[in-house]
All heavy atoms as atom14 arrays in JSON, in Angstrom:
{
  "sequence": "RVNLFPKKQRAGLSYSISKNFVSWYSKKSAAQFGAKGARILSISP",
  "atom14_mask": [
    [1, 1, 1, 1, 1, 1, 1, 1, 1, 1, 1, 0, 0, 0],
    [1, 1, 1, 1, 1, 1, 1, 0, 0, 0, 0, 0, 0, 0],
    [1, 1, 1, 1, 1, 1, 1, 1, 0, 0, 0, 0, 0, 0],
    [1, 1, 1, 1, 1, 1, 1, 1, 0, 0, 0, 0, 0, 0],
    [1, 1, 1, 1, 1, 1, 1, 1, 1, 1, 1, 0, 0, 0],
    [1, 1, 1, 1, 1, 1, 1, 0, 0, 0, 0, 0, 0, 0],
    [1, 1, 1, 1, 1, 1, 1, 1, 1, 0, 0, 0, 0, 0],
    [1, 1, 1, 1, 1, 1, 1, 1, 1, 0, 0, 0, 0, 0],
    [1, 1, 1, 1, 1, 1, 1, 1, 1, 0, 0, 0, 0, 0],
    [1, 1, 1, 1, 1, 1, 1, 1, 1, 1, 1, 0, 0, 0],
    [1, 1, 1, 1, 1, 0, 0, 0, 0, 0, 0, 0, 0, 0],
    [1, 1, 1, 1, 0, 0, 0, 0, 0, 0, 0, 0, 0, 0],
    [1, 1, 1, 1, 1, 1, 1, 1, 0, 0, 0, 0, 0, 0],
    [1, 1, 1, 1, 1, 1, 0, 0, 0, 0, 0, 0, 0, 0],
    [1, 1, 1, 1, 1, 1, 1, 1, 1, 1, 1, 1, 0, 0],
    [1, 1, 1, 1, 1, 1, 0, 0, 0, 0, 0, 0, 0, 0],
    [1, 1, 1, 1, 1, 1, 1, 1, 0, 0, 0, 0, 0, 0],
    [1, 1, 1, 1, 1, 1, 0, 0, 0, 0, 0, 0, 0, 0],
    [1, 1, 1, 1, 1, 1, 1, 1, 1, 0, 0, 0, 0, 0],
    [1, 1, 1, 1, 1, 1, 1, 1, 0, 0, 0, 0, 0, 0],
    [1, 1, 1, 1, 1, 1, 1, 1, 1, 1, 1, 0, 0, 0],
    [1, 1, 1, 1, 1, 1, 1, 0, 0, 0, 0, 0, 0, 0],
    [1, 1, 1, 1, 1, 1, 0, 0, 0, 0, 0, 0, 0, 0],
    [1, 1, 1, 1, 1, 1, 1, 1, 1, 1, 1, 1, 1, 1],
    [1, 1, 1, 1, 1, 1, 1, 1, 1, 1, 1, 1, 0, 0],
    [1, 1, 1, 1, 1, 1, 0, 0, 0, 0, 0, 0, 0, 0],
    [1, 1, 1, 1, 1, 1, 1, 1, 1, 0, 0, 0, 0, 0],
    [1, 1, 1, 1, 1, 1, 1, 1, 1, 0, 0, 0, 0, 0],
    [1, 1, 1, 1, 1, 1, 0, 0, 0, 0, 0, 0, 0, 0],
    [1, 1, 1, 1, 1, 0, 0, 0, 0, 0, 0, 0, 0, 0],
    [1, 1, 1, 1, 1, 0, 0, 0, 0, 0, 0, 0, 0, 0],
    [1, 1, 1, 1, 1, 1, 1, 1, 1, 0, 0, 0, 0, 0],
    [1, 1, 1, 1, 1, 1, 1, 1, 1, 1, 1, 0, 0, 0],
    [1, 1, 1, 1, 0, 0, 0, 0, 0, 0, 0, 0, 0, 0],
    [1, 1, 1, 1, 1, 0, 0, 0, 0, 0, 0, 0, 0, 0],
    [1, 1, 1, 1, 1, 1, 1, 1, 1, 0, 0, 0, 0, 0],
    [1, 1, 1, 1, 0, 0, 0, 0, 0, 0, 0, 0, 0, 0],
    [1, 1, 1, 1, 1, 0, 0, 0, 0, 0, 0, 0, 0, 0],
    [1, 1, 1, 1, 1, 1, 1, 1, 1, 1, 1, 0, 0, 0],
    [1, 1, 1, 1, 1, 1, 1, 1, 0, 0, 0, 0, 0, 0],
    [1, 1, 1, 1, 1, 1, 1, 1, 0, 0, 0, 0, 0, 0],
    [1, 1, 1, 1, 1, 1, 0, 0, 0, 0, 0, 0, 0, 0],
    [1, 1, 1, 1, 1, 1, 1, 1, 0, 0, 0, 0, 0, 0],
    [1, 1, 1, 1, 1, 1, 0, 0, 0, 0, 0, 0, 0, 0],
    [1, 1, 1, 1, 1, 1, 1, 0, 0, 0, 0, 0, 0, 0]
  ],
  "atom14_positions": [
    [[46.28, 56.04, -70.13], [45.7, 55.43, -71.32], [46.73, 54.61, -72.1], [46.47, 53.48, -72.51], [45.1, 56.52, -72.22], [44.41, 55.98, -73.5], [43.28, 55.0, -73.19], [42.29, 55.59, -72.31], [41.23, 56.28, -72.73], [41.04, 56.47, -74.03], [40.37, 56.76, -71.87], [0.0, 0.0, 0.0], [0.0, 0.0, 0.0], [0.0, 0.0, 0.0]],
    [[47.91, 55.18, -72.28], [48.97, 54.48, -73.01], [49.33, 53.17, -72.32], [49.51, 52.13, -72.98], [50.23, 55.38, -73.12], [51.43, 54.58, -73.63], [49.95, 56.57, -74.02], [0.0, 0.0, 0.0], [0.0, 0.0, 0.0], [0.0, 0.0, 0.0], [0.0, 0.0, 0.0], [0.0, 0.0, 0.0], [0.0, 0.0, 0.0], [0.0, 0.0, 0.0]],
    [[49.4, 53.18, -71.0], [49.85, 52.01, -70.25], [48.81, 50.9, -70.15], [49.09, 49.84, -69.6], [50.3, 52.43, -68.85], [51.59, 53.24, -68.88], [52.4, 53.1, -69.79], [51.77, 54.11, -67.89], [0.0, 0.0, 0.0], [0.0, 0.0, 0.0], [0.0, 0.0, 0.0], [0.0, 0.0, 0.0], [0.0, 0.0, 0.0], [0.0, 0.0, 0.0]],
    [[47.64, 51.13, -70.7], [46.64, 50.06, -70.79], [47.01, 49.03, -71.85], [46.5, 47.91, -71.83], [45.26, 50.64, -71.13], [44.55, 51.46, -70.04], [43.26, 52.04, -70.61], [44.25, 50.6, -68.81], [0.0, 0.0, 0.0], [0.0, 0.0, 0.0], [0.0, 0.0, 0.0], [0.0, 0.0, 0.0], [0.0, 0.0, 0.0], [0.0, 0.0, 0.0]],
    [[47.92, 49.4, -72.72], [48.25, 48.56, -73.87], [49.58, 47.83, -73.66], [50.38, 48.22, -72.81], [48.3, 49.43, -75.13], [46.95, 49.98, -75.52], [46.46, 51.13, -74.93], [46.16, 49.32, -76.46], [45.21, 51.62, -75.27], [44.92, 49.8, -76.8], [44.43, 50.95, -76.2], [0.0, 0.0, 0.0], [0.0, 0.0, 0.0], [0.0, 0.0, 0.0]],
    [[49.83, 46.77, -74.42], [51.1, 46.03, -74.3], [52.31, 46.94, -74.51], [52.24, 47.92, -75.27], [51.0, 44.98, -75.42], [49.52, 44.79, -75.62], [48.92, 46.15, -75.4], [0.0, 0.0, 0.0], [0.0, 0.0, 0.0], [0.0, 0.0, 0.0], [0.0, 0.0, 0.0], [0.0, 0.0, 0.0], [0.0, 0.0, 0.0], [0.0, 0.0, 0.0]],
    [[53.41, 46.61, -73.85], [54.6, 47.46, -73.89], [55.08, 47.76, -75.31], [55.51, 48.88, -75.6], [55.73, 46.81, -73.09], [55.55, 46.91, -71.57], [56.76, 46.38, -70.84], [56.6, 46.53, -69.33], [57.79, 46.04, -68.59], [0.0, 0.0, 0.0], [0.0, 0.0, 0.0], [0.0, 0.0, 0.0], [0.0, 0.0, 0.0], [0.0, 0.0, 0.0]],
    [[55.0, 46.78, -76.19], [55.53, 46.98, -77.53], [54.7, 47.99, -78.34], [55.16, 48.5, -79.36], [55.61, 45.65, -78.28], [54.27, 44.98, -78.55], [54.47, 43.68, -79.31], [53.13, 43.0, -79.62], [53.33, 41.73, -80.36], [0.0, 0.0, 0.0], [0.0, 0.0, 0.0], [0.0, 0.0, 0.0], [0.0, 0.0, 0.0], [0.0, 0.0, 0.0]],
    [[53.5, 48.27, -77.89], [52.64, 49.23, -78.6], [52.68, 50.63, -77.98], [52.17, 51.58, -78.58], [51.19, 48.73, -78.58], [50.97, 47.41, -79.3], [49.51, 46.95, -79.19], [48.64, 47.68, -78.76], [49.27, 45.71, -79.58], [0.0, 0.0, 0.0], [0.0, 0.0, 0.0], [0.0, 0.0, 0.0], [0.0, 0.0, 0.0], [0.0, 0.0, 0.0]],
    [[53.27, 50.76, -76.82], [53.13, 52.02, -76.08], [53.81, 53.21, -76.72], [53.27, 54.32, -76.71], [53.63, 51.81, -74.64], [52.73, 50.92, -73.83], [53.28, 50.66, -72.43], [52.47, 49.64, -71.74], [52.77, 49.12, -70.57], [53.87, 49.53, -69.93], [52.0, 48.19, -70.03], [0.0, 0.0, 0.0], [0.0, 0.0, 0.0], [0.0, 0.0, 0.0]],
    [[54.99, 53.02, -77.28], [55.69, 54.15, -77.9], [54.88, 54.7, -79.07], [54.7, 55.92, -79.2], [57.08, 53.73, -78.36], [0.0, 0.0, 0.0], [0.0, 0.0, 0.0], [0.0, 0.0, 0.0], [0.0, 0.0, 0.0], [0.0, 0.0, 0.0], [0.0, 0.0, 0.0], [0.0, 0.0, 0.0], [0.0, 0.0, 0.0], [0.0, 0.0, 0.0]],
    [[54.37, 53.82, -79.9], [53.56, 54.24, -81.04], [52.27, 54.93, -80.61], [51.87, 55.95, -81.19], [0.0, 0.0, 0.0], [0.0, 0.0, 0.0], [0.0, 0.0, 0.0], [0.0, 0.0, 0.0], [0.0, 0.0, 0.0], [0.0, 0.0, 0.0], [0.0, 0.0, 0.0], [0.0, 0.0, 0.0], [0.0, 0.0, 0.0], [0.0, 0.0, 0.0]],
    [[51.63, 54.39, -79.58], [50.4, 55.0, -79.07], [50.67, 56.36, -78.45], [49.91, 57.32, -78.64], [49.74, 54.08, -78.04], [48.94, 52.91, -78.6], [48.58, 51.94, -77.49], [47.68, 53.4, -79.3], [0.0, 0.0, 0.0], [0.0, 0.0, 0.0], [0.0, 0.0, 0.0], [0.0, 0.0, 0.0], [0.0, 0.0, 0.0], [0.0, 0.0, 0.0]],
    [[51.75, 56.46, -77.7], [52.11, 57.73, -77.09], [52.35, 58.78, -78.16], [51.93, 59.94, -78.02], [53.36, 57.56, -76.22], [53.64, 58.74, -75.51], [0.0, 0.0, 0.0], [0.0, 0.0, 0.0], [0.0, 0.0, 0.0], [0.0, 0.0, 0.0], [0.0, 0.0, 0.0], [0.0, 0.0, 0.0], [0.0, 0.0, 0.0], [0.0, 0.0, 0.0]],
    [[53.0, 58.39, -79.24], [53.26, 59.31, -80.34], [51.95, 59.78, -80.97], [51.72, 60.98, -81.14], [54.13, 58.65, -81.39], [54.46, 59.54, -82.56], [55.42, 60.54, -82.43], [53.79, 59.4, -83.77], [55.72, 61.38, -83.5], [54.08, 60.24, -84.84], [55.04, 61.22, -84.7], [55.32, 62.07, -85.75], [0.0, 0.0, 0.0], [0.0, 0.0, 0.0]],
    [[51.07, 58.85, -81.29], [49.81, 59.19, -81.95], [48.93, 60.07, -81.06], [48.34, 61.05, -81.52], [49.06, 57.92, -82.35], [49.78, 57.19, -83.32], [0.0, 0.0, 0.0], [0.0, 0.0, 0.0], [0.0, 0.0, 0.0], [0.0, 0.0, 0.0], [0.0, 0.0, 0.0], [0.0, 0.0, 0.0], [0.0, 0.0, 0.0], [0.0, 0.0, 0.0]],
    [[48.84, 59.7, -79.78], [48.03, 60.49, -78.85], [48.62, 61.89, -78.68], [47.9, 62.89, -78.72], [47.91, 59.78, -77.49], [47.03, 58.53, -77.62], [47.33, 60.72, -76.43], [47.02, 57.65, -76.38], [0.0, 0.0, 0.0], [0.0, 0.0, 0.0], [0.0, 0.0, 0.0], [0.0, 0.0, 0.0], [0.0, 0.0, 0.0], [0.0, 0.0, 0.0]],
    [[49.93, 61.95, -78.53], [50.57, 63.26, -78.32], [50.36, 64.17, -79.52], [50.14, 65.38, -79.37], [52.07, 63.09, -78.02], [52.78, 62.62, -79.15], [0.0, 0.0, 0.0], [0.0, 0.0, 0.0], [0.0, 0.0, 0.0], [0.0, 0.0, 0.0], [0.0, 0.0, 0.0], [0.0, 0.0, 0.0], [0.0, 0.0, 0.0], [0.0, 0.0, 0.0]],
    [[50.41, 63.61, -80.72], [50.25, 64.43, -81.91], [48.78, 64.81, -82.15], [48.49, 65.9, -82.67], [50.84, 63.71, -83.12], [52.36, 63.59, -83.08], [53.04, 64.96, -83.02], [54.54, 64.88, -83.16], [55.2, 66.2, -83.15], [0.0, 0.0, 0.0], [0.0, 0.0, 0.0], [0.0, 0.0, 0.0], [0.0, 0.0, 0.0], [0.0, 0.0, 0.0]],
    [[47.87, 63.93, -81.79], [46.46, 64.3, -81.85], [46.2, 65.46, -80.9], [45.47, 66.41, -81.21], [45.58, 63.1, -81.49], [44.1, 63.42, -81.57], [43.51, 63.92, -80.61], [43.49, 63.13, -82.69], [0.0, 0.0, 0.0], [0.0, 0.0, 0.0], [0.0, 0.0, 0.0], [0.0, 0.0, 0.0], [0.0, 0.0, 0.0], [0.0, 0.0, 0.0]],
    [[46.82, 65.38, -79.73], [46.68, 66.46, -78.74], [47.24, 67.77, -79.28], [46.64, 68.83, -79.07], [47.41, 66.09, -77.44], [47.58, 67.26, -76.52], [46.52, 67.75, -75.78], [48.82, 67.9, -76.44], [46.67, 68.87, -74.97], [48.98, 69.01, -75.62], [47.9, 69.5, -74.88], [0.0, 0.0, 0.0], [0.0, 0.0, 0.0], [0.0, 0.0, 0.0]],
    [[48.37, 67.73, -79.96], [48.99, 68.96, -80.47], [48.02, 69.72, -81.37], [47.86, 70.94, -81.24], [50.29, 68.65, -81.23], [50.78, 69.87, -82.02], [51.37, 68.2, -80.26], [0.0, 0.0, 0.0], [0.0, 0.0, 0.0], [0.0, 0.0, 0.0], [0.0, 0.0, 0.0], [0.0, 0.0, 0.0], [0.0, 0.0, 0.0], [0.0, 0.0, 0.0]],
    [[47.34, 69.01, -82.28], [46.4, 69.7, -83.16], [45.19, 70.21, -82.38], [44.71, 71.33, -82.61], [45.97, 68.78, -84.31], [45.34, 67.61, -83.84], [0.0, 0.0, 0.0], [0.0, 0.0, 0.0], [0.0, 0.0, 0.0], [0.0, 0.0, 0.0], [0.0, 0.0, 0.0], [0.0, 0.0, 0.0], [0.0, 0.0, 0.0], [0.0, 0.0, 0.0]],
    [[44.69, 69.42, -81.43], [43.55, 69.84, -80.58], [43.92, 71.08, -79.78], [43.17, 72.06, -79.74], [43.17, 68.7, -79.64], [42.05, 69.01, -78.68], [40.72, 68.77, -78.87], [42.17, 69.61, -77.38], [40.0, 69.18, -77.78], [40.85, 69.71, -76.84], [43.23, 70.08, -76.62], [40.6, 70.25, -75.57], [42.98, 70.63, -75.36], [41.67, 70.71, -74.85]],
    [[45.07, 71.06, -79.15], [45.51, 72.13, -78.28], [45.74, 73.42, -79.05], [45.43, 74.52, -78.58], [46.79, 71.69, -77.57], [47.37, 72.66, -76.59], [46.71, 72.96, -75.4], [48.6, 73.27, -76.84], [47.27, 73.85, -74.47], [49.16, 74.15, -75.93], [48.48, 74.43, -74.75], [49.03, 75.31, -73.85], [0.0, 0.0, 0.0], [0.0, 0.0, 0.0]],
    [[46.29, 73.29, -80.25], [46.53, 74.47, -81.08], [45.21, 75.14, -81.46], [45.11, 76.38, -81.46], [47.31, 74.08, -82.34], [48.58, 73.52, -81.99], [0.0, 0.0, 0.0], [0.0, 0.0, 0.0], [0.0, 0.0, 0.0], [0.0, 0.0, 0.0], [0.0, 0.0, 0.0], [0.0, 0.0, 0.0], [0.0, 0.0, 0.0], [0.0, 0.0, 0.0]],
    [[44.22, 74.33, -81.76], [42.89, 74.89, -82.08], [42.28, 75.58, -80.86], [41.74, 76.69, -80.95], [41.97, 73.78, -82.57], [42.37, 73.17, -83.9], [41.49, 71.97, -84.24], [41.96, 71.3, -85.51], [41.16, 70.08, -85.83], [0.0, 0.0, 0.0], [0.0, 0.0, 0.0], [0.0, 0.0, 0.0], [0.0, 0.0, 0.0], [0.0, 0.0, 0.0]],
    [[42.36, 74.93, -79.71], [41.74, 75.46, -78.49], [42.46, 76.72, -77.98], [41.87, 77.48, -77.2], [41.73, 74.39, -77.4], [40.83, 73.2, -77.7], [39.37, 73.6, -77.78], [38.47, 72.39, -78.0], [37.04, 72.78, -78.09], [0.0, 0.0, 0.0], [0.0, 0.0, 0.0], [0.0, 0.0, 0.0], [0.0, 0.0, 0.0], [0.0, 0.0, 0.0]],
    [[43.68, 76.94, -78.41], [44.45, 78.1, -77.96], [44.27, 79.31, -78.87], [44.78, 80.39, -78.58], [45.94, 77.75, -77.89], [46.18, 76.7, -76.97], [0.0, 0.0, 0.0], [0.0, 0.0, 0.0], [0.0, 0.0, 0.0], [0.0, 0.0, 0.0], [0.0, 0.0, 0.0], [0.0, 0.0, 0.0], [0.0, 0.0, 0.0], [0.0, 0.0, 0.0]],
    [[43.53, 79.14, -79.96], [43.43, 80.21, -80.96], [42.81, 81.48, -80.41], [43.25, 82.59, -80.74], [42.62, 79.71, -82.16], [0.0, 0.0, 0.0], [0.0, 0.0, 0.0], [0.0, 0.0, 0.0], [0.0, 0.0, 0.0], [0.0, 0.0, 0.0], [0.0, 0.0, 0.0], [0.0, 0.0, 0.0], [0.0, 0.0, 0.0], [0.0, 0.0, 0.0]],
    [[41.79, 81.35, -79.57], [41.13, 82.55, -79.04], [42.07, 83.37, -78.16], [42.06, 84.6, -78.21], [39.89, 82.15, -78.25], [0.0, 0.0, 0.0], [0.0, 0.0, 0.0], [0.0, 0.0, 0.0], [0.0, 0.0, 0.0], [0.0, 0.0, 0.0], [0.0, 0.0, 0.0], [0.0, 0.0, 0.0], [0.0, 0.0, 0.0], [0.0, 0.0, 0.0]],
    [[42.89, 82.69, -77.35], [43.84, 83.39, -76.51], [44.85, 84.17, -77.35], [45.21, 85.3, -77.03], [44.57, 82.41, -75.59], [43.69, 81.78, -74.53], [44.47, 80.75, -73.71], [44.82, 79.68, -74.21], [44.74, 81.08, -72.47], [0.0, 0.0, 0.0], [0.0, 0.0, 0.0], [0.0, 0.0, 0.0], [0.0, 0.0, 0.0], [0.0, 0.0, 0.0]],
    [[45.33, 83.55, -78.42], [46.26, 84.24, -79.3], [45.56, 85.37, -80.05], [46.12, 86.45, -80.23], [46.88, 83.24, -80.29], [48.07, 82.51, -79.74], [47.9, 81.46, -78.85], [49.36, 82.87, -80.09], [48.99, 80.78, -78.32], [50.45, 82.2, -79.57], [50.28, 81.15, -78.68], [0.0, 0.0, 0.0], [0.0, 0.0, 0.0], [0.0, 0.0, 0.0]],
    [[44.34, 85.11, -80.48], [43.59, 86.12, -81.21], [43.36, 87.37, -80.39], [43.32, 88.49, -80.93], [0.0, 0.0, 0.0], [0.0, 0.0, 0.0], [0.0, 0.0, 0.0], [0.0, 0.0, 0.0], [0.0, 0.0, 0.0], [0.0, 0.0, 0.0], [0.0, 0.0, 0.0], [0.0, 0.0, 0.0], [0.0, 0.0, 0.0], [0.0, 0.0, 0.0]],
    [[43.21, 87.21, -79.09], [43.01, 88.36, -78.2], [44.21, 89.3, -78.23], [44.09, 90.48, -77.88], [42.74, 87.89, -76.78], [0.0, 0.0, 0.0], [0.0, 0.0, 0.0], [0.0, 0.0, 0.0], [0.0, 0.0, 0.0], [0.0, 0.0, 0.0], [0.0, 0.0, 0.0], [0.0, 0.0, 0.0], [0.0, 0.0, 0.0], [0.0, 0.0, 0.0]],
    [[45.35, 88.77, -78.65], [46.57, 89.59, -78.75], [46.89, 89.95, -80.19], [47.96, 90.48, -80.49], [47.75, 88.83, -78.14], [47.64, 88.66, -76.62], [48.97, 88.22, -76.05], [48.99, 88.37, -74.53], [50.33, 88.16, -73.98], [0.0, 0.0, 0.0], [0.0, 0.0, 0.0], [0.0, 0.0, 0.0], [0.0, 0.0, 0.0], [0.0, 0.0, 0.0]],
    [[45.97, 89.61, -81.09], [46.21, 89.88, -82.5], [47.18, 88.91, -83.13], [47.72, 89.16, -84.21], [0.0, 0.0, 0.0], [0.0, 0.0, 0.0], [0.0, 0.0, 0.0], [0.0, 0.0, 0.0], [0.0, 0.0, 0.0], [0.0, 0.0, 0.0], [0.0, 0.0, 0.0], [0.0, 0.0, 0.0], [0.0, 0.0, 0.0], [0.0, 0.0, 0.0]],
    [[47.42, 87.79, -82.45], [48.38, 86.79, -82.91], [47.66, 85.53, -83.39], [46.45, 85.39, -83.23], [49.35, 86.44, -81.78], [0.0, 0.0, 0.0], [0.0, 0.0, 0.0], [0.0, 0.0, 0.0], [0.0, 0.0, 0.0], [0.0, 0.0, 0.0], [0.0, 0.0, 0.0], [0.0, 0.0, 0.0], [0.0, 0.0, 0.0], [0.0, 0.0, 0.0]],
    [[48.42, 84.61, -83.98], [47.84, 83.4, -84.53], [48.55, 82.15, -84.0], [49.7, 82.22, -83.59], [47.95, 83.39, -86.06], [47.21, 84.5, -86.75], [47.27, 84.36, -88.27], [48.63, 84.53, -88.79], [49.27, 83.63, -89.54], [48.72, 82.46, -89.82], [50.49, 83.86, -89.99], [0.0, 0.0, 0.0], [0.0, 0.0, 0.0], [0.0, 0.0, 0.0]],
    [[47.84, 81.04, -84.05], [48.41, 79.73, -83.74], [47.74, 78.7, -84.63], [46.52, 78.74, -84.85], [48.25, 79.37, -82.25], [48.86, 77.98, -81.96], [46.8, 79.42, -81.82], [48.88, 77.61, -80.48], [0.0, 0.0, 0.0], [0.0, 0.0, 0.0], [0.0, 0.0, 0.0], [0.0, 0.0, 0.0], [0.0, 0.0, 0.0], [0.0, 0.0, 0.0]],
    [[48.51, 77.77, -85.15], [47.96, 76.66, -85.93], [48.95, 75.51, -85.89], [50.07, 75.65, -85.4], [47.7, 77.09, -87.37], [48.91, 77.58, -88.16], [49.15, 76.7, -89.38], [48.7, 79.03, -88.6], [0.0, 0.0, 0.0], [0.0, 0.0, 0.0], [0.0, 0.0, 0.0], [0.0, 0.0, 0.0], [0.0, 0.0, 0.0], [0.0, 0.0, 0.0]],
    [[48.49, 74.38, -86.37], [49.38, 73.21, -86.44], [49.39, 72.67, -87.86], [48.47, 72.91, -88.65], [48.95, 72.12, -85.46], [47.63, 71.69, -85.72], [0.0, 0.0, 0.0], [0.0, 0.0, 0.0], [0.0, 0.0, 0.0], [0.0, 0.0, 0.0], [0.0, 0.0, 0.0], [0.0, 0.0, 0.0], [0.0, 0.0, 0.0], [0.0, 0.0, 0.0]],
    [[50.44, 71.94, -88.16], [50.59, 71.27, -89.45], [50.9, 69.82, -89.17], [51.72, 69.5, -88.3], [51.71, 71.93, -90.28], [51.29, 73.35, -90.7], [52.05, 71.09, -91.51], [52.38, 74.14, -91.41], [0.0, 0.0, 0.0], [0.0, 0.0, 0.0], [0.0, 0.0, 0.0], [0.0, 0.0, 0.0], [0.0, 0.0, 0.0], [0.0, 0.0, 0.0]],
    [[50.23, 68.92, -89.89], [50.4, 67.48, -89.68], [51.1, 66.85, -90.88], [50.47, 66.55, -91.9], [49.04, 66.81, -89.46], [48.53, 67.12, -88.19], [0.0, 0.0, 0.0], [0.0, 0.0, 0.0], [0.0, 0.0, 0.0], [0.0, 0.0, 0.0], [0.0, 0.0, 0.0], [0.0, 0.0, 0.0], [0.0, 0.0, 0.0], [0.0, 0.0, 0.0]],
    [[52.41, 66.64, -90.78], [53.15, 65.99, -91.87], [52.83, 64.5, -91.95], [52.48, 63.85, -90.96], [54.61, 66.2, -91.49], [54.6, 67.19, -90.37], [53.29, 67.02, -89.67], [0.0, 0.0, 0.0], [0.0, 0.0, 0.0], [0.0, 0.0, 0.0], [0.0, 0.0, 0.0], [0.0, 0.0, 0.0], [0.0, 0.0, 0.0], [0.0, 0.0, 0.0]]
  ]
}
């Protein structure tokens, strides 16, 4: 997906996509952590 865009935009796109993924992944992992009585969350500065 990143490589569909011009080279000068790729670093910024990779950053934005990777960070969107981090919040998505942290949410989707909550049940696995909860099964152990543990927690997971993300913070977006």
